[in-house]
Amino acid sequence: LPMEKIREDLPVFLHDGEVAIGAVRAVHKTSIDVYIENAGDFIVPLGAVHDVHFDKVILDVRKLDQRLRDAIGRAHSAEDPG
């Protein structure tokens, strides 16, 4: 599966068409650093990247560790009206 090049500042999503959960901070040979809103920076292995297209990075939630999943769950909690 040829992926467009991942680069800094691209938005990161769990599912295409949803709200971004963060942004790429840095790109390494085997991982990317992702900033998650309200949670900080996380190292995500490239194996957890499901797809990259239209300048968006899509992660495979099944391949993320629990700490990162929890952070994603809180990513937009500050925006929740209730």
Protein backbone atom coordinates (compact mmCIF):
# COMPACT_ATOMS: atom_id res chain seq x y z
CA LEU A 1 0.00 0.00 0.00
CA PRO A 2 1.93 3.07 -1.18
CA MET A 3 1.27 5.93 1.21
CA GLU A 4 1.71 9.59 0.54
CA LYS A 5 4.65 10.95 2.47
CA ILE A 6 3.86 11.68 6.10
CA ARG A 7 5.14 15.09 7.12
CA GLU A 8 5.05 17.44 10.07
CA ASP A 9 1.84 19.34 10.80
CA LEU A 10 -0.47 16.93 8.96
CA PRO A 11 -3.72 16.37 10.88
CA VAL A 12 -4.22 12.93 12.43
CA PHE A 13 -7.54 11.07 12.43
CA LEU A 14 -8.95 7.75 13.63
CA HIS A 15 -11.51 7.64 10.83
CA ASP A 16 -11.72 9.59 7.61
CA GLY A 17 -14.41 12.25 7.78
CA GLU A 18 -14.24 12.68 11.55
CA VAL A 19 -12.68 15.47 13.59
CA ALA A 20 -8.89 15.46 13.78
CA ILE A 21 -7.52 14.10 17.05
CA GLY A 22 -4.11 15.73 16.70
CA ALA A 23 -1.22 16.54 14.42
CA VAL A 24 2.10 15.07 13.35
CA ARG A 25 4.98 16.73 15.25
CA ALA A 26 7.90 14.74 13.83
CA VAL A 27 8.55 11.85 11.44
CA HIS A 28 11.10 9.12 12.17
CA LYS A 29 12.18 5.97 10.34
CA THR A 30 9.85 3.64 12.28
CA SER A 31 7.46 6.00 14.07
CA ILE A 32 5.82 9.41 14.12
CA ASP A 33 5.41 11.81 17.03
CA VAL A 34 1.78 12.88 17.30
CA TYR A 35 0.46 15.73 19.43
CA ILE A 36 -2.95 14.82 20.88
CA GLU A 37 -5.13 17.72 22.04
CA ASN A 38 -5.27 18.03 25.85
CA ALA A 39 -2.79 15.15 26.25
CA GLY A 40 0.59 16.02 24.72
CA ASP A 41 2.97 14.10 22.49
CA PHE A 42 2.85 10.37 21.78
CA ILE A 43 5.10 8.08 19.76
CA VAL A 44 3.07 6.12 17.23
CA PRO A 45 4.70 3.22 15.36
CA LEU A 46 4.34 3.44 11.58
CA GLY A 47 2.62 0.05 11.75
CA ALA A 48 -0.33 1.80 13.42
CA VAL A 49 -0.79 4.15 10.46
CA HIS A 50 -3.73 2.83 8.46
CA ASP A 51 -3.51 5.26 5.55
CA VAL A 52 -2.22 8.65 4.42
CA HIS A 53 -4.18 10.54 1.81
CA PHE A 54 -5.42 14.02 0.98
CA ASP A 55 -2.88 15.40 3.50
CA LYS A 56 -4.43 13.39 6.35
CA VAL A 57 -2.91 10.63 8.49
CA ILE A 58 -5.40 7.90 9.46
CA LEU A 59 -4.48 5.66 12.41
CA ASP A 60 -5.64 2.09 13.07
CA VAL A 61 -7.10 2.28 16.57
CA ARG A 62 -6.65 -1.49 17.02
CA LYS A 63 -2.88 -1.02 16.81
CA LEU A 64 -2.62 1.80 19.36
CA ASP A 65 -1.66 1.24 22.98
CA GLN A 66 -4.21 1.84 25.73
CA ARG A 67 -2.54 5.02 27.00
CA LEU A 68 -2.86 6.60 23.57
CA ARG A 69 -6.45 5.37 23.16
CA ASP A 70 -7.34 6.97 26.50
CA ALA A 71 -5.72 10.25 25.45
CA ILE A 72 -7.65 10.22 22.18
CA GLY A 73 -10.85 9.68 24.12
CA ARG A 74 -10.11 12.86 26.07
CA ALA A 75 -8.85 14.85 23.06
CA HIS A 76 -12.06 16.81 22.62
CA SER A 77 -13.47 16.56 26.13
CA ALA A 78 -12.61 20.22 26.77
CA GLU A 79 -14.85 21.17 23.84
CA ASP A 80 -17.80 19.12 25.11
CA PRO A 81 -20.62 21.34 26.35
CA GLY A 82 -21.74 18.66 28.79
